[in-house]
Protein backbone atom coordinates (compact mmCIF):
# COMPACT_ATOMS: atom_id res chain seq x y z
CA UNK A 1 0.00 0.00 0.00
CA UNK A 2 1.22 3.46 -0.89
CA UNK A 3 1.18 5.77 2.14
CA UNK A 4 1.43 9.54 1.86
CA UNK A 5 3.01 12.06 4.17
CA UNK A 6 -0.42 13.59 4.75
CA UNK A 7 -1.64 10.25 6.09
CA UNK A 8 1.32 10.10 8.49
CA UNK A 9 0.53 13.59 9.81
CA UNK A 10 -3.19 12.77 10.03
CA UNK A 11 -2.51 9.51 11.88
CA UNK A 12 -0.36 11.29 14.45
CA UNK A 13 -3.04 13.92 14.95
CA UNK A 14 -5.76 11.28 15.28
CA UNK A 15 -4.08 9.64 18.25
CA UNK A 16 -2.48 12.77 19.70
CA UNK A 17 1.14 11.78 19.14
CA UNK A 18 3.92 14.28 18.67
CA UNK A 19 6.81 13.54 16.32
CA UNK A 20 8.98 12.38 19.24
CA UNK A 21 6.39 9.82 20.30
CA UNK A 22 6.10 8.40 16.79
CA UNK A 23 9.88 8.25 16.44
CA UNK A 24 10.23 6.47 19.76
CA UNK A 25 7.42 4.00 19.03
CA UNK A 26 8.77 3.25 15.56
CA UNK A 27 12.41 3.06 16.62
CA UNK A 28 13.55 5.74 14.19
CA UNK A 29 15.16 9.15 14.66
CA UNK A 30 13.01 12.23 15.21
CA UNK A 31 14.87 13.85 12.31
CA UNK A 32 13.60 11.05 10.07
CA UNK A 33 9.99 11.75 11.05
CA UNK A 34 10.53 15.50 10.52
CA UNK A 35 12.05 14.90 7.09
CA UNK A 36 9.26 12.57 6.02
CA UNK A 37 6.53 14.93 7.20
CA UNK A 38 8.15 17.99 5.59
CA UNK A 39 7.49 16.56 2.14
CA UNK A 40 4.22 16.17 0.26
CA UNK A 41 3.09 13.07 -1.57
CA UNK A 42 4.36 9.50 -1.29
CA UNK A 43 6.87 8.88 1.48
CA UNK A 44 10.48 9.12 0.36
CA UNK A 45 12.15 6.76 2.83
CA UNK A 46 13.58 3.27 3.01
CA UNK A 47 11.01 0.48 2.94
CA UNK A 48 12.13 -0.69 6.39
CA UNK A 49 11.58 2.79 7.86
CA UNK A 50 8.07 2.97 6.45
CA UNK A 51 7.33 -0.50 7.80
CA UNK A 52 8.47 0.55 11.30
CA UNK A 53 6.26 3.63 11.20
CA UNK A 54 3.23 1.71 9.96
CA UNK A 55 3.79 -0.99 12.59
CA UNK A 56 3.88 1.64 15.35
CA UNK A 57 0.59 3.08 14.14
CA UNK A 58 -0.91 -0.39 13.81
CA UNK A 59 -0.05 -1.15 17.44
CA UNK A 60 -1.66 2.17 18.41
CA UNK A 61 -4.89 1.18 16.66
CA UNK A 62 -4.62 3.26 13.50
CA UNK A 63 -5.71 1.85 10.16
CA UNK A 64 -4.50 3.33 6.86
CA UNK A 65 -7.01 3.50 4.01
CA UNK A 66 -6.01 3.46 0.36
CA UNK A 67 -7.92 3.88 -2.88
CA UNK A 68 -10.29 5.32 -3.80
CA UNK A 69 -9.82 7.83 -0.97
CA UNK A 70 -6.62 7.65 1.07
CA UNK A 71 -7.02 8.39 4.75
CA UNK A 72 -6.69 7.06 8.28
CA UNK A 73 -9.10 5.88 10.94
CA UNK A 74 -9.11 4.09 14.27
CA UNK A 75 -9.54 0.34 14.01
CA UNK A 76 -12.86 -1.08 15.04
CA UNK A 77 -12.73 -2.98 18.30
CA UNK A 78 -14.36 -6.40 18.13
CA UNK A 79 -17.34 -6.62 20.46
CA UNK A 80 -17.78 -9.77 22.53
PDB file of N, CA and C in Angstrom:
ATOM      1  N   UNK A   1       0.841  -1.175   0.000  1.00  0.00           N
ATOM      2  CA  UNK A   1       0.000   0.000   0.000  1.00  0.00           C
ATOM      3  C   UNK A   1       0.886   1.239   0.000  1.00  0.00           C
ATOM      4  N   UNK A   2       0.519   2.197  -0.818  1.00  0.00           N
ATOM      5  CA  UNK A   2       1.222   3.460  -0.893  1.00  0.00           C
ATOM      6  C   UNK A   2       0.682   4.382   0.195  1.00  0.00           C
ATOM      7  N   UNK A   3       1.557   4.878   1.045  1.00  0.00           N
ATOM      8  CA  UNK A   3       1.179   5.769   2.140  1.00  0.00           C
ATOM      9  C   UNK A   3       1.756   7.148   1.848  1.00  0.00           C
ATOM     10  N   UNK A   4       0.959   8.178   2.112  1.00  0.00           N
ATOM     11  CA  UNK A   4       1.427   9.539   1.858  1.00  0.00           C
ATOM     12  C   UNK A   4       1.846  10.221   3.161  1.00  0.00           C
ATOM     13  N   UNK A   5       2.592  11.285   2.995  1.00  0.00           N
ATOM     14  CA  UNK A   5       3.013  12.056   4.167  1.00  0.00           C
ATOM     15  C   UNK A   5       1.822  12.674   4.874  1.00  0.00           C
ATOM     16  N   UNK A   6       0.797  13.037   4.133  1.00  0.00           N
ATOM     17  CA  UNK A   6      -0.418  13.586   4.753  1.00  0.00           C
ATOM     18  C   UNK A   6      -1.080  12.557   5.662  1.00  0.00           C
ATOM     19  N   UNK A   7      -1.068  11.307   5.254  1.00  0.00           N
ATOM     20  CA  UNK A   7      -1.638  10.253   6.087  1.00  0.00           C
ATOM     21  C   UNK A   7      -0.844  10.091   7.382  1.00  0.00           C
ATOM     22  N   UNK A   8       0.475  10.208   7.293  1.00  0.00           N
ATOM     23  CA  UNK A   8       1.315  10.101   8.494  1.00  0.00           C
ATOM     24  C   UNK A   8       0.967  11.226   9.460  1.00  0.00           C
ATOM     25  N   UNK A   9       0.874  12.453   8.955  1.00  0.00           N
ATOM     26  CA  UNK A   9       0.530  13.589   9.814  1.00  0.00           C
ATOM     27  C   UNK A   9      -0.876  13.428  10.392  1.00  0.00           C
ATOM     28  N   UNK A  10      -1.811  12.963   9.565  1.00  0.00           N
ATOM     29  CA  UNK A  10      -3.186  12.771  10.025  1.00  0.00           C
ATOM     30  C   UNK A  10      -3.262  11.680  11.090  1.00  0.00           C
ATOM     31  N   UNK A  11      -2.512  10.609  10.907  1.00  0.00           N
ATOM     32  CA  UNK A  11      -2.509   9.508  11.881  1.00  0.00           C
ATOM     33  C   UNK A  11      -1.970   9.984  13.221  1.00  0.00           C
ATOM     34  N   UNK A  12      -0.909  10.758  13.197  1.00  0.00           N
ATOM     35  CA  UNK A  12      -0.356  11.294  14.447  1.00  0.00           C
ATOM     36  C   UNK A  12      -1.376  12.177  15.148  1.00  0.00           C
ATOM     37  N   UNK A  13      -2.033  13.013  14.379  1.00  0.00           N
ATOM     38  CA  UNK A  13      -3.036  13.917  14.948  1.00  0.00           C
ATOM     39  C   UNK A  13      -4.212  13.131  15.532  1.00  0.00           C
ATOM     40  N   UNK A  14      -4.620  12.094  14.843  1.00  0.00           N
ATOM     41  CA  UNK A  14      -5.761  11.283  15.278  1.00  0.00           C
ATOM     42  C   UNK A  14      -5.551  10.693  16.663  1.00  0.00           C
ATOM     43  N   UNK A  15      -4.332  10.264  16.947  1.00  0.00           N
ATOM     44  CA  UNK A  15      -4.078   9.640  18.252  1.00  0.00           C
ATOM     45  C   UNK A  15      -3.318  10.550  19.213  1.00  0.00           C
ATOM     46  N   UNK A  16      -3.096  11.797  18.805  1.00  0.00           N
ATOM     47  CA  UNK A  16      -2.481  12.768  19.698  1.00  0.00           C
ATOM     48  C   UNK A  16      -0.998  12.572  19.955  1.00  0.00           C
ATOM     49  N   UNK A  17      -0.297  11.997  18.998  1.00  0.00           N
ATOM     50  CA  UNK A  17       1.136  11.777  19.140  1.00  0.00           C
ATOM     51  C   UNK A  17       1.913  12.957  18.561  1.00  0.00           C
ATOM     52  N   UNK A  18       2.983  13.329  19.227  1.00  0.00           N
ATOM     53  CA  UNK A  18       3.924  14.285  18.670  1.00  0.00           C
ATOM     54  C   UNK A  18       4.977  13.501  17.895  1.00  0.00           C
ATOM     55  N   UNK A  19       5.791  14.214  17.137  1.00  0.00           N
ATOM     56  CA  UNK A  19       6.807  13.537  16.325  1.00  0.00           C
ATOM     57  C   UNK A  19       7.741  12.681  17.174  1.00  0.00           C
ATOM     58  N   UNK A  20       8.097  13.156  18.353  1.00  0.00           N
ATOM     59  CA  UNK A  20       8.980  12.379  19.238  1.00  0.00           C
ATOM     60  C   UNK A  20       8.355  11.038  19.618  1.00  0.00           C
ATOM     61  N   UNK A  21       7.086  11.048  19.906  1.00  0.00           N
ATOM     62  CA  UNK A  21       6.388   9.816  20.302  1.00  0.00           C
ATOM     63  C   UNK A  21       6.382   8.816  19.159  1.00  0.00           C
ATOM     64  N   UNK A  22       6.085   9.288  17.951  1.00  0.00           N
ATOM     65  CA  UNK A  22       6.100   8.395  16.795  1.00  0.00           C
ATOM     66  C   UNK A  22       7.502   7.835  16.574  1.00  0.00           C
ATOM     67  N   UNK A  23       8.500   8.700  16.636  1.00  0.00           N
ATOM     68  CA  UNK A  23       9.878   8.249  16.435  1.00  0.00           C
ATOM     69  C   UNK A  23      10.255   7.181  17.454  1.00  0.00           C
ATOM     70  N   UNK A  24       9.910   7.423  18.703  1.00  0.00           N
ATOM     71  CA  UNK A  24      10.226   6.469  19.759  1.00  0.00           C
ATOM     72  C   UNK A  24       9.492   5.144  19.547  1.00  0.00           C
ATOM     73  N   UNK A  25       8.222   5.221  19.231  1.00  0.00           N
ATOM     74  CA  UNK A  25       7.418   4.001  19.029  1.00  0.00           C
ATOM     75  C   UNK A  25       7.870   3.207  17.809  1.00  0.00           C
ATOM     76  N   UNK A  26       8.347   3.918  16.789  1.00  0.00           N
ATOM     77  CA  UNK A  26       8.770   3.247  15.559  1.00  0.00           C
ATOM     78  C   UNK A  26      10.240   2.841  15.592  1.00  0.00           C
ATOM     79  N   UNK A  27      10.989   3.377  16.551  1.00  0.00           N
ATOM     80  CA  UNK A  27      12.409   3.062  16.615  1.00  0.00           C
ATOM     81  C   UNK A  27      13.223   3.744  15.528  1.00  0.00           C
ATOM     82  N   UNK A  28      12.816   4.967  15.182  1.00  0.00           N
ATOM     83  CA  UNK A  28      13.554   5.744  14.194  1.00  0.00           C
ATOM     84  C   UNK A  28      13.894   7.101  14.804  1.00  0.00           C
ATOM     85  N   UNK A  29      14.755   7.841  14.155  1.00  0.00           N
ATOM     86  CA  UNK A  29      15.164   9.150  14.657  1.00  0.00           C
ATOM     87  C   UNK A  29      14.062  10.187  14.440  1.00  0.00           C
ATOM     88  N   UNK A  30      13.984  11.147  15.356  1.00  0.00           N
ATOM     89  CA  UNK A  30      13.009  12.235  15.210  1.00  0.00           C
ATOM     90  C   UNK A  30      13.271  12.989  13.913  1.00  0.00           C
ATOM     91  N   UNK A  31      14.533  13.149  13.559  1.00  0.00           N
ATOM     92  CA  UNK A  31      14.870  13.851  12.314  1.00  0.00           C
ATOM     93  C   UNK A  31      14.301  13.128  11.096  1.00  0.00           C
ATOM     94  N   UNK A  32      14.195  11.817  11.163  1.00  0.00           N
ATOM     95  CA  UNK A  32      13.601  11.048  10.070  1.00  0.00           C
ATOM     96  C   UNK A  32      12.120  11.373   9.944  1.00  0.00           C
ATOM     97  N   UNK A  33      11.423  11.412  11.064  1.00  0.00           N
ATOM     98  CA  UNK A  33       9.993  11.751  11.047  1.00  0.00           C
ATOM     99  C   UNK A  33       9.809  13.170  10.519  1.00  0.00           C
ATOM    100  N   UNK A  34      10.619  14.105  10.993  1.00  0.00           N
ATOM    101  CA  UNK A  34      10.529  15.500  10.523  1.00  0.00           C
ATOM    102  C   UNK A  34      10.749  15.582   9.013  1.00  0.00           C
ATOM    103  N   UNK A  35      11.758  14.872   8.531  1.00  0.00           N
ATOM    104  CA  UNK A  35      12.052  14.900   7.092  1.00  0.00           C
ATOM    105  C   UNK A  35      10.898  14.331   6.285  1.00  0.00           C
ATOM    106  N   UNK A  36      10.370  13.206   6.724  1.00  0.00           N
ATOM    107  CA  UNK A  36       9.257  12.574   6.018  1.00  0.00           C
ATOM    108  C   UNK A  36       8.055  13.500   5.985  1.00  0.00           C
ATOM    109  N   UNK A  37       7.723  14.094   7.123  1.00  0.00           N
ATOM    110  CA  UNK A  37       6.534  14.935   7.203  1.00  0.00           C
ATOM    111  C   UNK A  37       6.704  16.286   6.519  1.00  0.00           C
ATOM    112  N   UNK A  38       7.927  16.699   6.235  1.00  0.00           N
ATOM    113  CA  UNK A  38       8.145  17.990   5.585  1.00  0.00           C
ATOM    114  C   UNK A  38       7.846  17.933   4.087  1.00  0.00           C
ATOM    115  N   UNK A  39       7.750  16.752   3.555  1.00  0.00           N
ATOM    116  CA  UNK A  39       7.493  16.561   2.137  1.00  0.00           C
ATOM    117  C   UNK A  39       5.997  16.419   1.888  1.00  0.00           C
ATOM    118  N   UNK A  40       5.616  16.397   0.623  1.00  0.00           N
ATOM    119  CA  UNK A  40       4.221  16.171   0.262  1.00  0.00           C
ATOM    120  C   UNK A  40       4.187  15.041  -0.762  1.00  0.00           C
ATOM    121  N   UNK A  41       3.205  14.172  -0.628  1.00  0.00           N
ATOM    122  CA  UNK A  41       3.088  13.069  -1.568  1.00  0.00           C
ATOM    123  C   UNK A  41       3.529  11.756  -0.948  1.00  0.00           C
ATOM    124  N   UNK A  42       3.895  10.799  -1.793  1.00  0.00           N
ATOM    125  CA  UNK A  42       4.356   9.503  -1.288  1.00  0.00           C
ATOM    126  C   UNK A  42       5.601   9.666  -0.418  1.00  0.00           C
ATOM    127  N   UNK A  43       5.752   8.799   0.555  1.00  0.00           N
ATOM    128  CA  UNK A  43       6.871   8.880   1.479  1.00  0.00           C
ATOM    129  C   UNK A  43       8.165   8.510   0.772  1.00  0.00           C
ATOM    130  N   UNK A  44       9.167   9.378   0.921  1.00  0.00           N
ATOM    131  CA  UNK A  44      10.478   9.116   0.356  1.00  0.00           C
ATOM    132  C   UNK A  44      11.414   8.613   1.442  1.00  0.00           C
ATOM    133  N   UNK A  45      11.304   7.344   1.783  1.00  0.00           N
ATOM    134  CA  UNK A  45      12.145   6.762   2.830  1.00  0.00           C
ATOM    135  C   UNK A  45      12.387   5.294   2.493  1.00  0.00           C
ATOM    136  N   UNK A  46      13.319   4.693   3.195  1.00  0.00           N
ATOM    137  CA  UNK A  46      13.578   3.269   3.007  1.00  0.00           C
ATOM    138  C   UNK A  46      12.341   2.461   3.378  1.00  0.00           C
ATOM    139  N   UNK A  47      12.156   1.355   2.688  1.00  0.00           N
ATOM    140  CA  UNK A  47      11.008   0.485   2.943  1.00  0.00           C
ATOM    141  C   UNK A  47      10.947   0.073   4.408  1.00  0.00           C
ATOM    142  N   UNK A  48      12.094  -0.250   4.984  1.00  0.00           N
ATOM    143  CA  UNK A  48      12.133  -0.691   6.389  1.00  0.00           C
ATOM    144  C   UNK A  48      11.662   0.416   7.334  1.00  0.00           C
ATOM    145  N   UNK A  49      11.995   1.653   7.033  1.00  0.00           N
ATOM    146  CA  UNK A  49      11.578   2.786   7.860  1.00  0.00           C
ATOM    147  C   UNK A  49      10.063   2.956   7.800  1.00  0.00           C
ATOM    148  N   UNK A  50       9.525   2.861   6.610  1.00  0.00           N
ATOM    149  CA  UNK A  50       8.070   2.972   6.448  1.00  0.00           C
ATOM    150  C   UNK A  50       7.376   1.846   7.201  1.00  0.00           C
ATOM    151  N   UNK A  51       7.911   0.644   7.093  1.00  0.00           N
ATOM    152  CA  UNK A  51       7.333  -0.503   7.805  1.00  0.00           C
ATOM    153  C   UNK A  51       7.319  -0.270   9.317  1.00  0.00           C
ATOM    154  N   UNK A  52       8.396   0.271   9.860  1.00  0.00           N
ATOM    155  CA  UNK A  52       8.471   0.546  11.299  1.00  0.00           C
ATOM    156  C   UNK A  52       7.413   1.569  11.711  1.00  0.00           C
ATOM    157  N   UNK A  53       7.254   2.591  10.907  1.00  0.00           N
ATOM    158  CA  UNK A  53       6.263   3.627  11.205  1.00  0.00           C
ATOM    159  C   UNK A  53       4.852   3.058  11.142  1.00  0.00           C
ATOM    160  N   UNK A  54       4.563   2.304  10.097  1.00  0.00           N
ATOM    161  CA  UNK A  54       3.226   1.710   9.960  1.00  0.00           C
ATOM    162  C   UNK A  54       2.939   0.716  11.081  1.00  0.00           C
ATOM    163  N   UNK A  55       3.958  -0.037  11.492  1.00  0.00           N
ATOM    164  CA  UNK A  55       3.788  -0.995  12.590  1.00  0.00           C
ATOM    165  C   UNK A  55       3.474  -0.270  13.895  1.00  0.00           C
ATOM    166  N   UNK A  56       4.140   0.855  14.138  1.00  0.00           N
ATOM    167  CA  UNK A  56       3.881   1.643  15.353  1.00  0.00           C
ATOM    168  C   UNK A  56       2.444   2.140  15.364  1.00  0.00           C
ATOM    169  N   UNK A  57       1.970   2.625  14.224  1.00  0.00           N
ATOM    170  CA  UNK A  57       0.589   3.085  14.142  1.00  0.00           C
ATOM    171  C   UNK A  57      -0.391   1.923  14.281  1.00  0.00           C
ATOM    172  N   UNK A  58      -0.045   0.793  13.702  1.00  0.00           N
ATOM    173  CA  UNK A  58      -0.905  -0.385  13.809  1.00  0.00           C
ATOM    174  C   UNK A  58      -1.078  -0.791  15.273  1.00  0.00           C
ATOM    175  N   UNK A  59       0.004  -0.802  16.028  1.00  0.00           N
ATOM    176  CA  UNK A  59      -0.055  -1.147  17.445  1.00  0.00           C
ATOM    177  C   UNK A  59      -0.867  -0.122  18.242  1.00  0.00           C
ATOM    178  N   UNK A  60      -0.905   1.110  17.745  1.00  0.00           N
ATOM    179  CA  UNK A  60      -1.662   2.170  18.408  1.00  0.00           C
ATOM    180  C   UNK A  60      -3.131   2.184  17.985  1.00  0.00           C
ATOM    181  N   UNK A  61      -3.491   1.285  17.063  1.00  0.00           N
ATOM    182  CA  UNK A  61      -4.891   1.179  16.655  1.00  0.00           C
ATOM    183  C   UNK A  61      -5.297   2.021  15.467  1.00  0.00           C
ATOM    184  N   UNK A  62      -4.322   2.442  14.673  1.00  0.00           N
ATOM    185  CA  UNK A  62      -4.617   3.262  13.495  1.00  0.00           C
ATOM    186  C   UNK A  62      -4.604   2.385  12.250  1.00  0.00           C
ATOM    187  N   UNK A  63      -5.597   2.586  11.416  1.00  0.00           N
ATOM    188  CA  UNK A  63      -5.707   1.849  10.158  1.00  0.00           C
ATOM    189  C   UNK A  63      -5.545   2.837   8.999  1.00  0.00           C
ATOM    190  N   UNK A  64      -4.709   2.486   8.040  1.00  0.00           N
ATOM    191  CA  UNK A  64      -4.498   3.327   6.861  1.00  0.00           C
ATOM    192  C   UNK A  64      -5.425   2.847   5.750  1.00  0.00           C
ATOM    193  N   UNK A  65      -6.090   3.786   5.109  1.00  0.00           N
ATOM    194  CA  UNK A  65      -7.008   3.496   4.010  1.00  0.00           C
ATOM    195  C   UNK A  65      -6.344   3.894   2.702  1.00  0.00           C
ATOM    196  N   UNK A  66      -6.592   3.122   1.651  1.00  0.00           N
ATOM    197  CA  UNK A  66      -6.008   3.456   0.360  1.00  0.00           C
ATOM    198  C   UNK A  66      -7.106   3.864  -0.608  1.00  0.00           C
ATOM    199  N   UNK A  67      -6.972   3.480  -1.827  1.00  0.00           N
ATOM    200  CA  UNK A  67      -7.917   3.884  -2.875  1.00  0.00           C
ATOM    201  C   UNK A  67      -9.331   3.425  -2.552  1.00  0.00           C
ATOM    202  N   UNK A  68     -10.347   4.136  -2.942  1.00  0.00           N
ATOM    203  CA  UNK A  68     -10.287   5.317  -3.800  1.00  0.00           C
ATOM    204  C   UNK A  68      -9.960   6.610  -3.052  1.00  0.00           C
ATOM    205  N   UNK A  69     -10.108   6.626  -1.747  1.00  0.00           N
ATOM    206  CA  UNK A  69      -9.820   7.827  -0.970  1.00  0.00           C
ATOM    207  C   UNK A  69      -8.853   7.509   0.152  1.00  0.00           C
ATOM    208  N   UNK A  70      -7.589   7.909   0.004  1.00  0.00           N
ATOM    209  CA  UNK A  70      -6.616   7.653   1.068  1.00  0.00           C
ATOM    210  C   UNK A  70      -6.989   8.392   2.348  1.00  0.00           C
ATOM    211  N   UNK A  71      -6.731   7.771   3.466  1.00  0.00           N
ATOM    212  CA  UNK A  71      -7.024   8.392   4.753  1.00  0.00           C
ATOM    213  C   UNK A  71      -6.562   7.507   5.884  1.00  0.00           C
ATOM    214  N   UNK A  72      -6.997   7.854   7.087  1.00  0.00           N
ATOM    215  CA  UNK A  72      -6.695   7.062   8.275  1.00  0.00           C
ATOM    216  C   UNK A  72      -7.935   7.018   9.160  1.00  0.00           C
ATOM    217  N   UNK A  73      -8.014   5.980   9.970  1.00  0.00           N
ATOM    218  CA  UNK A  73      -9.102   5.878  10.936  1.00  0.00           C
ATOM    219  C   UNK A  73      -8.652   4.952  12.056  1.00  0.00           C
ATOM    220  N   UNK A  74      -9.377   5.015  13.165  1.00  0.00           N
ATOM    221  CA  UNK A  74      -9.106   4.091  14.266  1.00  0.00           C
ATOM    222  C   UNK A  74      -9.713   2.741  13.898  1.00  0.00           C
ATOM    223  N   UNK A  75      -9.028   1.685  14.274  1.00  0.00           N
ATOM    224  CA  UNK A  75      -9.538   0.344  14.006  1.00  0.00           C
ATOM    225  C   UNK A  75     -10.779   0.088  14.842  1.00  0.00           C
ATOM    226  N   UNK A  76     -11.663  -0.683  14.294  1.00  0.00           N
ATOM    227  CA  UNK A  76     -12.858  -1.082  15.044  1.00  0.00           C
ATOM    228  C   UNK A  76     -12.446  -2.135  16.065  1.00  0.00           C
ATOM    229  N   UNK A  77     -12.991  -2.010  17.253  1.00  0.00           N
ATOM    230  CA  UNK A  77     -12.729  -2.980  18.297  1.00  0.00           C
ATOM    231  C   UNK A  77     -13.818  -4.049  18.226  1.00  0.00           C
ATOM    232  N   UNK A  78     -13.400  -5.307  18.184  1.00  0.00           N
ATOM    233  CA  UNK A  78     -14.358  -6.405  18.131  1.00  0.00           C
ATOM    234  C   UNK A  78     -15.157  -6.468  19.429  1.00  0.00           C
ATOM    235  N   UNK A  79     -16.469  -6.549  19.281  1.00  0.00           N
ATOM    236  CA  UNK A  79     -17.336  -6.624  20.461  1.00  0.00           C
ATOM    237  C   UNK A  79     -17.559  -8.090  20.812  1.00  0.00           C
ATOM    238  N   UNK A  80     -17.561  -8.393  22.114  1.00  0.00           N
ATOM    239  CA  UNK A  80     -17.777  -9.771  22.532  1.00  0.00           C
ATOM    240  C   UNK A  80     -19.192 -10.002  22.938  1.00  0.00           C
TER     241      UNK A  80
END
